[in-house]
Amino acid sequence: MIENIKWLGHASVLIEREGKVIYVDPWKLKTAKKADLILVTHSHYDHFSIEDINKIMGKDTVLISTEEVVSKMGKGVVLLPGEKKQLDWVEIEGVPAYNIGKSFHPKESKNLGFLIKFPDSSIYIGGDTDLIPEMENLKADIVILPVGGTYTMDAEEAAKAVNIIKPKYAIPIHYGDIIGSESDALKFKSLVKESEVVILKPE
């Protein structure tokens, strides 16, 4: 499953599985494939790009996001933290994503992380979040977390989250563009205890 995940830079992720294409937070896309599913964590410009969404949106594409994003797009399915949406090939669960002690992403904004559940595996994408109590009950085979700090958790917090969730694989993102660098990813890798950290090159 790990080989089906591509990091497209910053917080953009592409997942391809059994002919299905999922984009998460598409932004500054270099290439565009028609998406079966688009997931947008929140409305900040570096996660929600109408231009990029329109490049990959087909007539049957499902967009799942926050109320604000769906309202601005004029289409899509609203997902709240704690809710689940079942498609015929995948289940999407909304996970809270927020800052603690910082005002960039308040909890009341109902921003999202996503737990993507296939029949035989699951992927958790944290969104713009700090290390939050809700992570203690999360279970996922693959965890994709921000490590750049300032607006999100830093490498140390992200490593703590992975050590709590205990996935098979962990992938660091949200560095190298607006904030953070590869050194954050390497620090993250050094602090993760049991999971295998996969540092992807942006594509």
Protein backbone atom coordinates (compact mmCIF):
# COMPACT_ATOMS: atom_id res chain seq x y z
CA MET A 1 0.00 0.00 0.00
CA ILE A 2 2.84 2.41 0.78
CA GLU A 3 3.95 2.28 -2.85
CA ASN A 4 0.55 3.67 -3.89
CA ILE A 5 1.12 6.96 -2.04
CA LYS A 6 2.83 9.97 -3.61
CA TRP A 7 3.71 13.23 -1.93
CA LEU A 8 3.06 16.14 -4.27
CA GLY A 9 4.78 18.71 -2.08
CA HIS A 10 3.65 20.67 1.00
CA ALA A 11 0.42 18.98 2.17
CA SER A 12 -0.71 17.47 -1.14
CA VAL A 13 -0.98 13.70 -1.33
CA LEU A 14 -2.02 11.38 -4.15
CA ILE A 15 -3.24 7.86 -3.39
CA GLU A 16 -3.86 5.40 -6.22
CA ARG A 17 -5.37 2.03 -5.49
CA GLU A 18 -7.03 -0.51 -7.77
CA GLY A 19 -7.77 2.05 -10.43
CA LYS A 20 -9.12 4.65 -8.00
CA VAL A 21 -7.50 8.07 -7.59
CA ILE A 22 -7.65 10.08 -4.34
CA TYR A 23 -6.19 13.56 -3.93
CA VAL A 24 -5.78 15.17 -0.53
CA ASP A 25 -5.33 18.97 -0.42
CA PRO A 26 -4.29 19.34 -4.08
CA TRP A 27 -2.17 22.49 -4.51
CA LYS A 28 0.36 23.56 -7.15
CA LEU A 29 -0.19 20.34 -9.08
CA LYS A 30 2.47 19.64 -11.71
CA THR A 31 0.33 16.97 -13.38
CA ALA A 32 -3.36 16.26 -13.08
CA LYS A 33 -5.25 12.96 -13.13
CA LYS A 34 -9.01 12.80 -12.99
CA ALA A 35 -9.90 12.10 -9.37
CA ASP A 36 -12.45 9.67 -8.03
CA LEU A 37 -12.26 11.36 -4.63
CA ILE A 38 -10.92 14.73 -3.47
CA LEU A 39 -10.42 15.36 0.25
CA VAL A 40 -9.74 18.90 1.49
CA THR A 41 -8.81 19.34 5.14
CA HIS A 42 -9.67 23.05 5.48
CA SER A 43 -9.99 26.33 3.63
CA HIS A 44 -6.50 27.84 3.94
CA TYR A 45 -5.06 28.69 0.52
CA ASP A 46 -2.23 26.16 0.69
CA HIS A 47 -4.73 23.33 1.17
CA PHE A 48 -7.80 24.53 -0.74
CA SER A 49 -7.11 25.57 -4.33
CA ILE A 50 -10.17 25.91 -6.55
CA GLU A 51 -7.86 26.09 -9.58
CA ASP A 52 -6.23 22.75 -8.77
CA ILE A 53 -9.50 21.09 -7.82
CA ASN A 54 -11.00 22.08 -11.16
CA LYS A 55 -8.03 20.44 -12.95
CA ILE A 56 -8.83 17.04 -11.44
CA MET A 57 -12.60 17.24 -10.98
CA GLY A 58 -14.65 15.02 -13.28
CA LYS A 59 -18.40 14.62 -13.53
CA ASP A 60 -18.33 11.66 -11.11
CA THR A 61 -15.67 12.99 -8.73
CA VAL A 62 -16.70 13.13 -5.07
CA LEU A 63 -15.43 16.09 -3.03
CA ILE A 64 -15.48 15.72 0.76
CA SER A 65 -14.51 18.63 2.98
CA THR A 66 -15.58 21.19 5.57
CA GLU A 67 -18.74 23.24 5.32
CA GLU A 68 -16.72 26.32 4.33
CA VAL A 69 -14.92 24.58 1.46
CA VAL A 70 -18.09 22.95 0.13
CA SER A 71 -19.87 26.30 0.28
CA LYS A 72 -17.10 28.04 -1.66
CA MET A 73 -17.00 25.27 -4.26
CA GLY A 74 -20.77 25.20 -4.61
CA LYS A 75 -20.67 21.40 -4.52
CA GLY A 76 -19.39 18.52 -2.46
CA VAL A 77 -20.17 16.58 0.70
CA VAL A 78 -19.75 18.19 4.12
CA LEU A 79 -17.95 16.05 6.69
CA LEU A 80 -17.67 16.98 10.36
CA PRO A 81 -15.06 15.63 12.78
CA GLY A 82 -16.32 12.29 14.07
CA GLU A 83 -18.58 11.64 11.09
CA LYS A 84 -18.14 8.92 8.46
CA LYS A 85 -19.01 8.82 4.77
CA GLN A 86 -19.24 5.44 3.06
CA LEU A 87 -18.55 5.14 -0.66
CA ASP A 88 -18.86 1.78 -2.37
CA TRP A 89 -15.07 1.29 -2.34
CA VAL A 90 -13.80 3.30 0.64
CA GLU A 91 -14.93 4.81 3.96
CA ILE A 92 -13.85 8.29 4.99
CA GLU A 93 -13.92 9.31 8.65
CA GLY A 94 -13.43 12.90 9.74
CA VAL A 95 -10.85 13.36 12.49
CA PRO A 96 -10.48 16.62 14.44
CA ALA A 97 -7.52 18.78 13.39
CA TYR A 98 -6.64 21.82 15.48
CA ASN A 99 -3.96 23.73 17.34
CA ILE A 100 -3.46 23.74 21.09
CA GLY A 101 -2.25 27.07 22.45
CA LYS A 102 -2.07 28.63 18.96
CA SER A 103 -4.80 30.42 17.04
CA PHE A 104 -4.02 29.32 13.46
CA HIS A 105 -6.46 26.38 13.44
CA PRO A 106 -9.00 26.65 16.29
CA LYS A 107 -10.98 23.57 17.22
CA GLU A 108 -14.29 25.35 16.65
CA SER A 109 -13.42 25.75 12.95
CA LYS A 110 -14.12 22.01 12.56
CA ASN A 111 -11.13 21.49 10.30
CA LEU A 112 -10.42 17.93 9.30
CA GLY A 113 -7.95 15.14 9.29
CA PHE A 114 -9.03 12.05 7.38
CA LEU A 115 -9.04 8.35 8.22
CA ILE A 116 -9.26 6.59 4.86
CA LYS A 117 -10.44 3.01 5.33
CA PHE A 118 -10.07 0.40 2.61
CA PRO A 119 -11.26 -3.18 3.18
CA ASP A 120 -7.73 -4.34 4.05
CA SER A 121 -5.83 -1.22 5.15
CA SER A 122 -6.21 2.31 6.47
CA ILE A 123 -4.45 5.65 6.08
CA TYR A 124 -4.64 8.56 8.51
CA ILE A 125 -3.82 12.02 7.16
CA GLY A 126 -3.58 14.51 9.99
CA GLY A 127 -4.25 17.82 8.26
CA ASP A 128 -3.04 21.00 9.96
CA THR A 129 -3.00 19.83 13.54
CA ASP A 130 -1.00 19.64 16.72
CA LEU A 131 -0.63 16.53 18.84
CA ILE A 132 -4.21 16.26 20.15
CA PRO A 133 -5.93 13.91 22.62
CA GLU A 134 -8.11 12.37 19.89
CA MET A 135 -5.02 10.67 18.45
CA GLU A 136 -4.85 8.32 21.43
CA ASN A 137 -7.75 6.28 20.06
CA LEU A 138 -6.70 6.29 16.41
CA LYS A 139 -5.69 3.12 14.61
CA ALA A 140 -4.19 3.18 11.12
CA ASP A 141 -1.71 1.17 9.07
CA ILE A 142 -0.16 4.29 7.53
CA VAL A 143 0.04 7.72 9.16
CA ILE A 144 0.82 10.91 7.21
CA LEU A 145 1.56 13.89 9.46
CA PRO A 146 2.87 17.45 9.25
CA VAL A 147 6.31 18.02 10.75
CA GLY A 148 7.14 21.63 9.81
CA GLY A 149 6.03 23.29 13.03
CA THR A 150 4.66 26.81 13.65
CA TYR A 151 1.22 26.25 12.07
CA THR A 152 1.18 22.53 12.83
CA MET A 153 2.95 20.03 15.02
CA ASP A 154 6.73 19.93 14.75
CA ALA A 155 8.92 16.87 14.29
CA GLU A 156 8.93 16.00 18.00
CA GLU A 157 5.16 16.24 18.37
CA ALA A 158 4.60 14.29 15.16
CA ALA A 159 6.93 11.53 16.38
CA LYS A 160 5.02 11.38 19.67
CA ALA A 161 1.79 11.01 17.70
CA VAL A 162 3.23 8.14 15.67
CA ASN A 163 4.53 6.45 18.80
CA ILE A 164 0.99 6.65 20.23
CA ILE A 165 -0.84 5.44 17.11
CA LYS A 166 1.79 2.79 16.23
CA PRO A 167 1.15 2.43 12.49
CA LYS A 168 3.24 0.18 10.29
CA TYR A 169 4.44 3.17 8.25
CA ALA A 170 4.73 6.92 8.89
CA ILE A 171 5.22 9.61 6.25
CA PRO A 172 6.21 13.22 7.09
CA ILE A 173 4.76 16.10 5.04
CA HIS A 174 4.07 19.85 5.35
CA TYR A 175 7.68 20.96 5.09
CA GLY A 176 9.99 22.33 2.43
CA ASP A 177 7.63 24.89 0.93
CA ILE A 178 6.11 27.52 3.21
CA ILE A 179 7.84 26.38 6.38
CA GLY A 180 10.08 23.57 7.57
CA SER A 181 12.83 21.66 5.78
CA GLU A 182 14.07 18.14 5.17
CA SER A 183 15.92 18.34 8.48
CA ASP A 184 12.50 18.26 10.17
CA ALA A 185 11.66 15.03 8.35
CA LEU A 186 14.99 13.51 9.35
CA LYS A 187 14.52 14.55 12.98
CA PHE A 188 11.04 13.02 12.88
CA LYS A 189 12.51 9.78 11.56
CA SER A 190 15.11 9.66 14.32
CA LEU A 191 12.45 10.03 17.03
CA VAL A 192 9.94 7.44 15.79
CA LYS A 193 10.46 4.22 17.74
CA GLU A 194 8.63 1.29 16.16
CA SER A 195 7.02 2.40 12.90
CA GLU A 196 8.93 2.51 9.63
CA VAL A 197 9.36 6.11 8.48
CA VAL A 198 9.24 6.65 4.73
CA ILE A 199 10.52 10.04 3.57
CA LEU A 200 9.08 10.66 0.13
CA LYS A 201 10.48 13.03 -2.47
CA PRO A 202 7.91 15.52 -3.75
CA GLU A 203 6.61 14.70 -7.22
